[in-house]
Amino acid sequence: MILGASFVATWLAVGGSKADHYIEALQALVQLDSFIVAGWTAGFFYFWNSTATEFRALEKELHALRRELDANRDDAEEFAKAVKNLASIESMTKNLTDNLFVAGISALGNFVASGVWAIVGIVANDGSDLLVSSVFMLLGVGLMLNSWSLIHDSTSLLSELKSELSIIRVKA
């Protein structure tokens, strides 16, 4: 929100200015974009590492539970139902992590588009590219914060699911 307000203020301040001011604003935007991409990289891989660790732990728990079910096949119908549920959990968590990765990379794509658009504006000496580049950057920041939140929440979900499966396995 603050970033958006500062872009609007910058746009209004340079709106009637000379091309030199547009170039300076675009150069500043490229620098800010680079700084945000560095932050995105650090944050994304910090959160992604946690999610990947929880996902691997959940996979281990699923395999251990499947082995125990396999060893204790008293009721074939119950066994088939349990294995089907485990496969469903595996599929759901795999889709979840794939979608989270795509969401995170989408933010990076917006940052790249913002930087490229700003560079095009510098080369073309055109101030109208300032607004387009700013919009791409703001979208990227929104997607970045959203993806970080989703990854963090998903990590918690995977951890809870792993704990629940562990309790089920111990009771079985």
N, C-alpha and C. Protein backbone atom coordinates (compact mmCIF):
# COMPACT_ATOMS: atom_id res chain seq x y z
N MET A 1 0.82 -1.17 0.00
CA MET A 1 0.00 0.00 0.00
C MET A 1 0.88 1.26 0.00
N ILE A 2 1.88 1.25 0.87
CA ILE A 2 2.80 2.38 0.94
C ILE A 2 3.58 2.50 -0.37
N LEU A 3 4.01 1.34 -0.89
CA LEU A 3 4.74 1.31 -2.16
C LEU A 3 3.87 1.87 -3.28
N GLY A 4 2.60 1.50 -3.30
CA GLY A 4 1.68 1.99 -4.33
C GLY A 4 1.49 3.49 -4.23
N ALA A 5 1.33 3.99 -3.01
CA ALA A 5 1.16 5.43 -2.81
C ALA A 5 2.40 6.19 -3.25
N SER A 6 3.57 5.62 -2.98
CA SER A 6 4.81 6.31 -3.39
C SER A 6 4.95 6.33 -4.91
N PHE A 7 4.49 5.26 -5.57
CA PHE A 7 4.54 5.26 -7.04
C PHE A 7 3.59 6.29 -7.63
N VAL A 8 2.40 6.40 -7.04
CA VAL A 8 1.44 7.40 -7.52
C VAL A 8 2.00 8.80 -7.30
N ALA A 9 2.58 9.04 -6.13
CA ALA A 9 3.19 10.35 -5.86
C ALA A 9 4.32 10.65 -6.83
N THR A 10 5.12 9.63 -7.13
CA THR A 10 6.22 9.81 -8.08
C THR A 10 5.66 10.12 -9.46
N TRP A 11 4.62 9.39 -9.84
CA TRP A 11 4.03 9.62 -11.16
C TRP A 11 3.47 11.03 -11.27
N LEU A 12 2.80 11.49 -10.22
CA LEU A 12 2.24 12.84 -10.24
C LEU A 12 3.34 13.90 -10.23
N ALA A 13 4.41 13.63 -9.50
CA ALA A 13 5.51 14.59 -9.41
C ALA A 13 6.24 14.73 -10.74
N VAL A 14 6.38 13.62 -11.45
CA VAL A 14 7.11 13.67 -12.71
C VAL A 14 6.18 13.75 -13.91
N GLY A 15 4.90 13.76 -13.66
CA GLY A 15 3.92 13.73 -14.76
C GLY A 15 4.13 14.84 -15.78
N GLY A 16 4.42 16.03 -15.35
CA GLY A 16 4.59 17.12 -16.31
C GLY A 16 6.04 17.49 -16.51
N SER A 17 6.95 16.67 -16.09
CA SER A 17 8.37 16.98 -16.13
C SER A 17 9.00 16.61 -17.47
N LYS A 18 10.26 16.94 -17.54
CA LYS A 18 11.03 16.62 -18.75
C LYS A 18 11.36 15.13 -18.81
N ALA A 19 11.83 14.73 -19.95
CA ALA A 19 12.19 13.32 -20.17
C ALA A 19 13.30 12.88 -19.23
N ASP A 20 14.18 13.81 -18.82
CA ASP A 20 15.27 13.44 -17.91
C ASP A 20 14.73 12.88 -16.59
N HIS A 21 13.64 13.47 -16.12
CA HIS A 21 13.06 12.99 -14.87
C HIS A 21 12.46 11.60 -15.04
N TYR A 22 11.89 11.34 -16.19
CA TYR A 22 11.35 10.01 -16.45
C TYR A 22 12.48 8.98 -16.44
N ILE A 23 13.57 9.34 -17.07
CA ILE A 23 14.70 8.42 -17.13
C ILE A 23 15.23 8.14 -15.73
N GLU A 24 15.35 9.18 -14.91
CA GLU A 24 15.83 9.00 -13.54
C GLU A 24 14.86 8.13 -12.74
N ALA A 25 13.57 8.36 -12.92
CA ALA A 25 12.57 7.56 -12.20
C ALA A 25 12.62 6.10 -12.66
N LEU A 26 12.79 5.89 -13.95
CA LEU A 26 12.88 4.51 -14.46
C LEU A 26 14.15 3.82 -13.97
N GLN A 27 15.25 4.56 -13.89
CA GLN A 27 16.48 3.97 -13.37
C GLN A 27 16.31 3.60 -11.89
N ALA A 28 15.65 4.48 -11.15
CA ALA A 28 15.38 4.18 -9.74
C ALA A 28 14.47 2.96 -9.62
N LEU A 29 13.52 2.83 -10.52
CA LEU A 29 12.62 1.69 -10.52
C LEU A 29 13.37 0.39 -10.80
N VAL A 30 14.33 0.44 -11.71
CA VAL A 30 15.15 -0.75 -11.99
C VAL A 30 15.94 -1.15 -10.74
N GLN A 31 16.48 -0.17 -10.03
CA GLN A 31 17.23 -0.47 -8.81
C GLN A 31 16.32 -1.05 -7.73
N LEU A 32 15.14 -0.45 -7.57
CA LEU A 32 14.20 -0.96 -6.58
C LEU A 32 13.74 -2.37 -6.95
N ASP A 33 13.51 -2.59 -8.21
CA ASP A 33 13.11 -3.90 -8.70
C ASP A 33 14.19 -4.93 -8.38
N SER A 34 15.43 -4.58 -8.60
CA SER A 34 16.54 -5.50 -8.30
C SER A 34 16.60 -5.82 -6.81
N PHE A 35 16.39 -4.82 -5.99
CA PHE A 35 16.40 -5.01 -4.54
C PHE A 35 15.27 -5.94 -4.11
N ILE A 36 14.07 -5.74 -4.67
CA ILE A 36 12.92 -6.57 -4.32
C ILE A 36 13.13 -8.01 -4.80
N VAL A 37 13.72 -8.18 -5.98
CA VAL A 37 13.98 -9.54 -6.48
C VAL A 37 14.95 -10.28 -5.54
N ALA A 38 15.94 -9.58 -5.03
CA ALA A 38 16.86 -10.20 -4.07
C ALA A 38 16.11 -10.63 -2.81
N GLY A 39 15.21 -9.78 -2.34
CA GLY A 39 14.39 -10.13 -1.18
C GLY A 39 13.46 -11.28 -1.48
N TRP A 40 12.88 -11.27 -2.69
CA TRP A 40 11.99 -12.38 -3.10
C TRP A 40 12.76 -13.69 -3.06
N THR A 41 13.95 -13.67 -3.61
CA THR A 41 14.76 -14.89 -3.69
C THR A 41 15.05 -15.44 -2.30
N ALA A 42 15.49 -14.57 -1.40
CA ALA A 42 15.79 -15.01 -0.04
C ALA A 42 14.54 -15.54 0.66
N GLY A 43 13.46 -14.80 0.57
CA GLY A 43 12.23 -15.20 1.24
C GLY A 43 11.62 -16.45 0.67
N PHE A 44 11.57 -16.53 -0.66
CA PHE A 44 10.96 -17.69 -1.30
C PHE A 44 11.69 -18.96 -0.92
N PHE A 45 13.00 -18.96 -1.03
CA PHE A 45 13.74 -20.19 -0.74
C PHE A 45 13.78 -20.51 0.75
N TYR A 46 13.66 -19.50 1.60
CA TYR A 46 13.55 -19.76 3.03
C TYR A 46 12.25 -20.53 3.30
N PHE A 47 11.13 -19.99 2.79
CA PHE A 47 9.84 -20.64 3.01
C PHE A 47 9.75 -21.96 2.25
N TRP A 48 10.29 -22.00 1.04
CA TRP A 48 10.20 -23.22 0.23
C TRP A 48 10.97 -24.37 0.88
N ASN A 49 12.10 -24.07 1.48
CA ASN A 49 12.87 -25.10 2.16
C ASN A 49 12.06 -25.72 3.29
N SER A 50 11.36 -24.90 4.06
CA SER A 50 10.51 -25.41 5.15
C SER A 50 9.41 -26.29 4.61
N THR A 51 8.78 -25.85 3.52
CA THR A 51 7.70 -26.63 2.93
C THR A 51 8.22 -27.95 2.38
N ALA A 52 9.35 -27.92 1.71
CA ALA A 52 9.92 -29.14 1.15
C ALA A 52 10.30 -30.12 2.25
N THR A 53 10.81 -29.62 3.35
CA THR A 53 11.17 -30.48 4.48
C THR A 53 9.93 -31.16 5.05
N GLU A 54 8.87 -30.38 5.23
CA GLU A 54 7.62 -30.95 5.76
C GLU A 54 7.01 -31.94 4.77
N PHE A 55 7.11 -31.64 3.48
CA PHE A 55 6.56 -32.54 2.47
C PHE A 55 7.29 -33.88 2.49
N ARG A 56 8.63 -33.84 2.58
CA ARG A 56 9.40 -35.09 2.65
C ARG A 56 9.06 -35.88 3.91
N ALA A 57 8.89 -35.18 5.03
CA ALA A 57 8.53 -35.87 6.28
C ALA A 57 7.14 -36.51 6.17
N LEU A 58 6.23 -35.80 5.51
CA LEU A 58 4.89 -36.35 5.30
C LEU A 58 4.95 -37.58 4.39
N GLU A 59 5.75 -37.52 3.35
CA GLU A 59 5.91 -38.68 2.47
C GLU A 59 6.45 -39.89 3.24
N LYS A 60 7.42 -39.67 4.11
CA LYS A 60 7.97 -40.77 4.92
C LYS A 60 6.89 -41.36 5.81
N GLU A 61 6.09 -40.50 6.41
CA GLU A 61 5.01 -40.97 7.28
C GLU A 61 3.97 -41.75 6.48
N LEU A 62 3.66 -41.29 5.29
CA LEU A 62 2.71 -42.00 4.43
C LEU A 62 3.23 -43.38 4.05
N HIS A 63 4.51 -43.46 3.71
CA HIS A 63 5.11 -44.76 3.36
C HIS A 63 5.15 -45.70 4.56
N ALA A 64 5.46 -45.16 5.73
CA ALA A 64 5.49 -45.99 6.94
C ALA A 64 4.09 -46.51 7.26
N LEU A 65 3.10 -45.66 7.11
CA LEU A 65 1.72 -46.07 7.37
C LEU A 65 1.28 -47.12 6.35
N ARG A 66 1.68 -46.92 5.10
CA ARG A 66 1.33 -47.90 4.05
C ARG A 66 1.98 -49.26 4.35
N ARG A 67 3.23 -49.26 4.81
CA ARG A 67 3.91 -50.51 5.16
C ARG A 67 3.20 -51.23 6.31
N GLU A 68 2.78 -50.46 7.31
CA GLU A 68 2.07 -51.06 8.44
C GLU A 68 0.73 -51.63 8.01
N LEU A 69 0.04 -50.88 7.16
CA LEU A 69 -1.24 -51.39 6.65
C LEU A 69 -1.03 -52.68 5.85
N ASP A 70 0.03 -52.67 5.09
CA ASP A 70 0.35 -53.84 4.26
C ASP A 70 0.66 -55.06 5.13
N ALA A 71 1.33 -54.83 6.24
CA ALA A 71 1.71 -55.93 7.13
C ALA A 71 0.51 -56.46 7.92
N ASN A 72 -0.48 -55.62 8.14
CA ASN A 72 -1.65 -56.01 8.94
C ASN A 72 -2.91 -56.08 8.08
N ARG A 73 -2.89 -56.84 7.03
CA ARG A 73 -4.03 -56.94 6.10
C ARG A 73 -5.09 -57.92 6.61
N ASP A 74 -5.79 -57.59 7.65
CA ASP A 74 -6.82 -58.49 8.14
C ASP A 74 -8.08 -58.39 7.29
N ASP A 75 -8.49 -57.18 7.03
CA ASP A 75 -9.72 -56.95 6.26
C ASP A 75 -9.34 -56.32 4.92
N ALA A 76 -9.52 -57.06 3.84
CA ALA A 76 -9.10 -56.59 2.51
C ALA A 76 -9.83 -55.32 2.10
N GLU A 77 -11.10 -55.20 2.44
CA GLU A 77 -11.87 -54.02 2.05
C GLU A 77 -11.38 -52.77 2.78
N GLU A 78 -11.14 -52.92 4.09
CA GLU A 78 -10.62 -51.80 4.88
C GLU A 78 -9.22 -51.39 4.39
N PHE A 79 -8.42 -52.40 4.06
CA PHE A 79 -7.07 -52.14 3.57
C PHE A 79 -7.12 -51.34 2.26
N ALA A 80 -7.97 -51.75 1.33
CA ALA A 80 -8.09 -51.06 0.04
C ALA A 80 -8.56 -49.63 0.24
N LYS A 81 -9.49 -49.43 1.16
CA LYS A 81 -10.00 -48.09 1.43
C LYS A 81 -8.89 -47.20 2.02
N ALA A 82 -8.13 -47.75 2.95
CA ALA A 82 -7.05 -46.99 3.58
C ALA A 82 -5.97 -46.61 2.56
N VAL A 83 -5.59 -47.57 1.70
CA VAL A 83 -4.57 -47.30 0.69
C VAL A 83 -5.06 -46.23 -0.29
N LYS A 84 -6.33 -46.29 -0.65
CA LYS A 84 -6.91 -45.28 -1.55
C LYS A 84 -6.86 -43.89 -0.90
N ASN A 85 -7.16 -43.82 0.40
CA ASN A 85 -7.09 -42.55 1.12
C ASN A 85 -5.66 -42.01 1.18
N LEU A 86 -4.71 -42.89 1.38
CA LEU A 86 -3.30 -42.47 1.42
C LEU A 86 -2.86 -41.94 0.06
N ALA A 87 -3.29 -42.61 -1.01
CA ALA A 87 -2.95 -42.15 -2.36
C ALA A 87 -3.57 -40.78 -2.62
N SER A 88 -4.77 -40.57 -2.11
CA SER A 88 -5.44 -39.29 -2.28
C SER A 88 -4.69 -38.18 -1.54
N ILE A 89 -4.20 -38.47 -0.34
CA ILE A 89 -3.43 -37.49 0.43
C ILE A 89 -2.13 -37.16 -0.29
N GLU A 90 -1.46 -38.19 -0.81
CA GLU A 90 -0.21 -37.96 -1.55
C GLU A 90 -0.44 -37.08 -2.76
N SER A 91 -1.50 -37.37 -3.51
CA SER A 91 -1.81 -36.60 -4.70
C SER A 91 -2.14 -35.15 -4.35
N MET A 92 -2.93 -34.95 -3.29
CA MET A 92 -3.31 -33.61 -2.87
C MET A 92 -2.09 -32.79 -2.47
N THR A 93 -1.19 -33.38 -1.67
CA THR A 93 -0.02 -32.64 -1.22
C THR A 93 0.94 -32.34 -2.37
N LYS A 94 1.04 -33.25 -3.32
CA LYS A 94 1.89 -33.00 -4.50
C LYS A 94 1.34 -31.85 -5.31
N ASN A 95 0.01 -31.83 -5.54
CA ASN A 95 -0.61 -30.73 -6.27
C ASN A 95 -0.45 -29.41 -5.53
N LEU A 96 -0.54 -29.47 -4.21
CA LEU A 96 -0.39 -28.27 -3.39
C LEU A 96 1.00 -27.66 -3.58
N THR A 97 2.03 -28.48 -3.47
CA THR A 97 3.39 -27.95 -3.60
C THR A 97 3.66 -27.45 -5.01
N ASP A 98 3.11 -28.13 -6.02
CA ASP A 98 3.28 -27.65 -7.40
C ASP A 98 2.63 -26.28 -7.58
N ASN A 99 1.43 -26.11 -7.07
CA ASN A 99 0.72 -24.83 -7.19
C ASN A 99 1.43 -23.72 -6.43
N LEU A 100 1.99 -24.05 -5.28
CA LEU A 100 2.73 -23.04 -4.51
C LEU A 100 3.96 -22.57 -5.27
N PHE A 101 4.63 -23.50 -5.91
CA PHE A 101 5.82 -23.13 -6.69
C PHE A 101 5.45 -22.20 -7.84
N VAL A 102 4.36 -22.52 -8.53
CA VAL A 102 3.90 -21.68 -9.64
C VAL A 102 3.53 -20.28 -9.14
N ALA A 103 2.86 -20.20 -7.99
CA ALA A 103 2.49 -18.90 -7.43
C ALA A 103 3.74 -18.06 -7.12
N GLY A 104 4.74 -18.71 -6.57
CA GLY A 104 5.98 -17.98 -6.25
C GLY A 104 6.71 -17.51 -7.48
N ILE A 105 6.75 -18.34 -8.49
CA ILE A 105 7.45 -17.98 -9.73
C ILE A 105 6.68 -16.88 -10.48
N SER A 106 5.37 -16.83 -10.33
CA SER A 106 4.57 -15.78 -10.98
C SER A 106 5.00 -14.39 -10.48
N ALA A 107 5.27 -14.29 -9.19
CA ALA A 107 5.75 -13.02 -8.64
C ALA A 107 7.07 -12.63 -9.28
N LEU A 108 7.97 -13.59 -9.41
CA LEU A 108 9.25 -13.31 -10.05
C LEU A 108 9.06 -12.85 -11.49
N GLY A 109 8.13 -13.47 -12.20
CA GLY A 109 7.84 -13.06 -13.58
C GLY A 109 7.40 -11.61 -13.66
N ASN A 110 6.60 -11.16 -12.70
CA ASN A 110 6.18 -9.76 -12.69
C ASN A 110 7.35 -8.82 -12.42
N PHE A 111 8.26 -9.23 -11.55
CA PHE A 111 9.44 -8.40 -11.29
C PHE A 111 10.32 -8.29 -12.54
N VAL A 112 10.48 -9.39 -13.23
CA VAL A 112 11.27 -9.37 -14.46
C VAL A 112 10.59 -8.46 -15.49
N ALA A 113 9.28 -8.59 -15.64
CA ALA A 113 8.55 -7.74 -16.58
C ALA A 113 8.68 -6.27 -16.21
N SER A 114 8.63 -5.98 -14.92
CA SER A 114 8.78 -4.60 -14.45
C SER A 114 10.14 -4.04 -14.83
N GLY A 115 11.19 -4.82 -14.56
CA GLY A 115 12.54 -4.36 -14.89
C GLY A 115 12.75 -4.19 -16.38
N VAL A 116 12.26 -5.14 -17.16
CA VAL A 116 12.41 -5.06 -18.61
C VAL A 116 11.66 -3.85 -19.15
N TRP A 117 10.45 -3.64 -18.65
CA TRP A 117 9.65 -2.50 -19.13
C TRP A 117 10.34 -1.18 -18.78
N ALA A 118 10.94 -1.11 -17.59
CA ALA A 118 11.66 0.10 -17.20
C ALA A 118 12.87 0.33 -18.09
N ILE A 119 13.58 -0.73 -18.42
CA ILE A 119 14.75 -0.59 -19.30
C ILE A 119 14.32 -0.15 -20.70
N VAL A 120 13.20 -0.70 -21.17
CA VAL A 120 12.67 -0.27 -22.48
C VAL A 120 12.33 1.21 -22.43
N GLY A 121 11.75 1.65 -21.31
CA GLY A 121 11.43 3.07 -21.17
C GLY A 121 12.66 3.95 -21.16
N ILE A 122 13.73 3.46 -20.54
CA ILE A 122 14.99 4.23 -20.51
C ILE A 122 15.55 4.34 -21.93
N VAL A 123 15.56 3.23 -22.63
CA VAL A 123 16.11 3.21 -23.99
C VAL A 123 15.24 4.05 -24.93
N ALA A 124 13.93 3.93 -24.79
CA ALA A 124 13.02 4.65 -25.69
C ALA A 124 12.82 6.10 -25.27
N ASN A 125 13.30 6.44 -24.07
CA ASN A 125 13.15 7.79 -23.56
C ASN A 125 11.66 8.17 -23.48
N ASP A 126 10.87 7.23 -22.95
CA ASP A 126 9.42 7.41 -22.92
C ASP A 126 8.94 7.28 -21.47
N GLY A 127 8.31 8.32 -20.97
CA GLY A 127 7.84 8.33 -19.58
C GLY A 127 6.61 7.49 -19.34
N SER A 128 5.87 7.15 -20.37
CA SER A 128 4.66 6.35 -20.15
C SER A 128 4.99 4.94 -19.65
N ASP A 129 6.21 4.50 -19.88
CA ASP A 129 6.61 3.17 -19.41
C ASP A 129 6.78 3.12 -17.89
N LEU A 130 6.89 4.28 -17.26
CA LEU A 130 7.04 4.34 -15.81
C LEU A 130 5.81 3.76 -15.12
N LEU A 131 4.64 4.13 -15.60
CA LEU A 131 3.41 3.64 -14.99
C LEU A 131 3.25 2.13 -15.20
N VAL A 132 3.50 1.65 -16.41
CA VAL A 132 3.36 0.22 -16.71
C VAL A 132 4.35 -0.59 -15.88
N SER A 133 5.58 -0.13 -15.80
CA SER A 133 6.60 -0.82 -15.03
C SER A 133 6.22 -0.84 -13.54
N SER A 134 5.68 0.26 -13.06
CA SER A 134 5.26 0.34 -11.66
C SER A 134 4.13 -0.64 -11.36
N VAL A 135 3.20 -0.76 -12.30
CA VAL A 135 2.07 -1.69 -12.11
C VAL A 135 2.58 -3.12 -12.04
N PHE A 136 3.50 -3.48 -12.94
CA PHE A 136 4.08 -4.83 -12.89
C PHE A 136 4.76 -5.08 -11.55
N MET A 137 5.48 -4.07 -11.05
CA MET A 137 6.17 -4.24 -9.78
C MET A 137 5.17 -4.40 -8.64
N LEU A 138 4.13 -3.59 -8.63
CA LEU A 138 3.13 -3.71 -7.57
C LEU A 138 2.43 -5.06 -7.61
N LEU A 139 2.12 -5.54 -8.80
CA LEU A 139 1.53 -6.87 -8.92
C LEU A 139 2.49 -7.93 -8.39
N GLY A 140 3.76 -7.78 -8.72
CA GLY A 140 4.77 -8.72 -8.25
C GLY A 140 4.87 -8.72 -6.73
N VAL A 141 4.83 -7.54 -6.12
CA VAL A 141 4.90 -7.46 -4.66
C VAL A 141 3.67 -8.13 -4.05
N GLY A 142 2.50 -7.88 -4.61
CA GLY A 142 1.29 -8.52 -4.11
C GLY A 142 1.36 -10.03 -4.24
N LEU A 143 1.80 -10.51 -5.40
CA LEU A 143 1.94 -11.96 -5.60
C LEU A 143 2.99 -12.57 -4.68
N MET A 144 4.08 -11.82 -4.47
CA MET A 144 5.14 -12.30 -3.60
C MET A 144 4.62 -12.48 -2.18
N LEU A 145 3.96 -11.48 -1.65
CA LEU A 145 3.45 -11.57 -0.28
C LEU A 145 2.39 -12.67 -0.17
N ASN A 146 1.55 -12.77 -1.19
CA ASN A 146 0.53 -13.81 -1.19
C ASN A 146 1.16 -15.21 -1.24
N SER A 147 2.15 -15.39 -2.10
CA SER A 147 2.78 -16.71 -2.21
C SER A 147 3.53 -17.07 -0.94
N TRP A 148 4.20 -16.09 -0.31
CA TRP A 148 4.88 -16.37 0.95
C TRP A 148 3.87 -16.80 2.01
N SER A 149 2.73 -16.12 2.07
CA SER A 149 1.70 -16.47 3.04
C SER A 149 1.16 -17.87 2.77
N LEU A 150 0.89 -18.17 1.50
CA LEU A 150 0.39 -19.50 1.14
C LEU A 150 1.40 -20.60 1.47
N ILE A 151 2.66 -20.34 1.18
CA ILE A 151 3.70 -21.33 1.47
C ILE A 151 3.81 -21.55 2.97
N HIS A 152 3.77 -20.48 3.74
CA HIS A 152 3.85 -20.59 5.20
C HIS A 152 2.66 -21.38 5.74
N ASP A 153 1.45 -21.04 5.30
CA ASP A 153 0.25 -21.75 5.75
C ASP A 153 0.28 -23.22 5.32
N SER A 154 0.76 -23.48 4.13
CA SER A 154 0.83 -24.85 3.63
C SER A 154 1.83 -25.68 4.41
N THR A 155 2.91 -25.05 4.82
CA THR A 155 3.90 -25.75 5.63
C THR A 155 3.27 -26.19 6.95
N SER A 156 2.48 -25.30 7.54
CA SER A 156 1.79 -25.65 8.78
C SER A 156 0.79 -26.79 8.55
N LEU A 157 0.07 -26.72 7.44
CA LEU A 157 -0.89 -27.77 7.10
C LEU A 157 -0.20 -29.12 6.92
N LEU A 158 0.91 -29.14 6.20
CA LEU A 158 1.65 -30.39 5.99
C LEU A 158 2.16 -30.95 7.30
N SER A 159 2.61 -30.07 8.18
CA SER A 159 3.11 -30.51 9.48
C SER A 159 1.99 -31.13 10.32
N GLU A 160 0.82 -30.49 10.32
CA GLU A 160 -0.32 -31.02 11.06
C GLU A 160 -0.77 -32.36 10.48
N LEU A 161 -0.79 -32.46 9.17
CA LEU A 161 -1.19 -33.70 8.52
C LEU A 161 -0.22 -34.83 8.86
N LYS A 162 1.06 -34.51 8.85
CA LYS A 162 2.08 -35.51 9.22
C LYS A 162 1.88 -35.97 10.66
N SER A 163 1.59 -35.04 11.56
CA SER A 163 1.36 -35.40 12.96
C SER A 163 0.13 -36.28 13.11
N GLU A 164 -0.93 -35.95 12.40
CA GLU A 164 -2.15 -36.76 12.45
C GLU A 164 -1.89 -38.17 11.93
N LEU A 165 -1.17 -38.28 10.84
CA LEU A 165 -0.85 -39.61 10.30
C LEU A 165 0.03 -40.40 11.24
N SER A 166 0.91 -39.71 11.93
CA SER A 166 1.78 -40.38 12.90
C SER A 166 0.94 -40.94 14.05
N ILE A 167 -0.04 -40.19 14.50
CA ILE A 167 -0.93 -40.65 15.57
C ILE A 167 -1.73 -41.86 15.09
N ILE A 168 -2.24 -41.78 13.86
CA ILE A 168 -3.00 -42.90 13.30
C ILE A 168 -2.13 -44.14 13.21
N ARG A 169 -0.90 -43.98 12.79
CA ARG A 169 0.02 -45.10 12.63
C ARG A 169 0.33 -45.75 13.97
N VAL A 170 0.50 -44.93 14.99
CA VAL A 170 0.81 -45.46 16.32
C VAL A 170 -0.40 -46.24 16.86
N LYS A 171 -1.61 -45.74 16.59
CA LYS A 171 -2.81 -46.44 17.07
C LYS A 171 -3.03 -47.75 16.30
N ALA A 172 -2.58 -47.79 15.06
CA ALA A 172 -2.79 -49.00 14.25
C ALA A 172 -1.86 -50.07 14.66
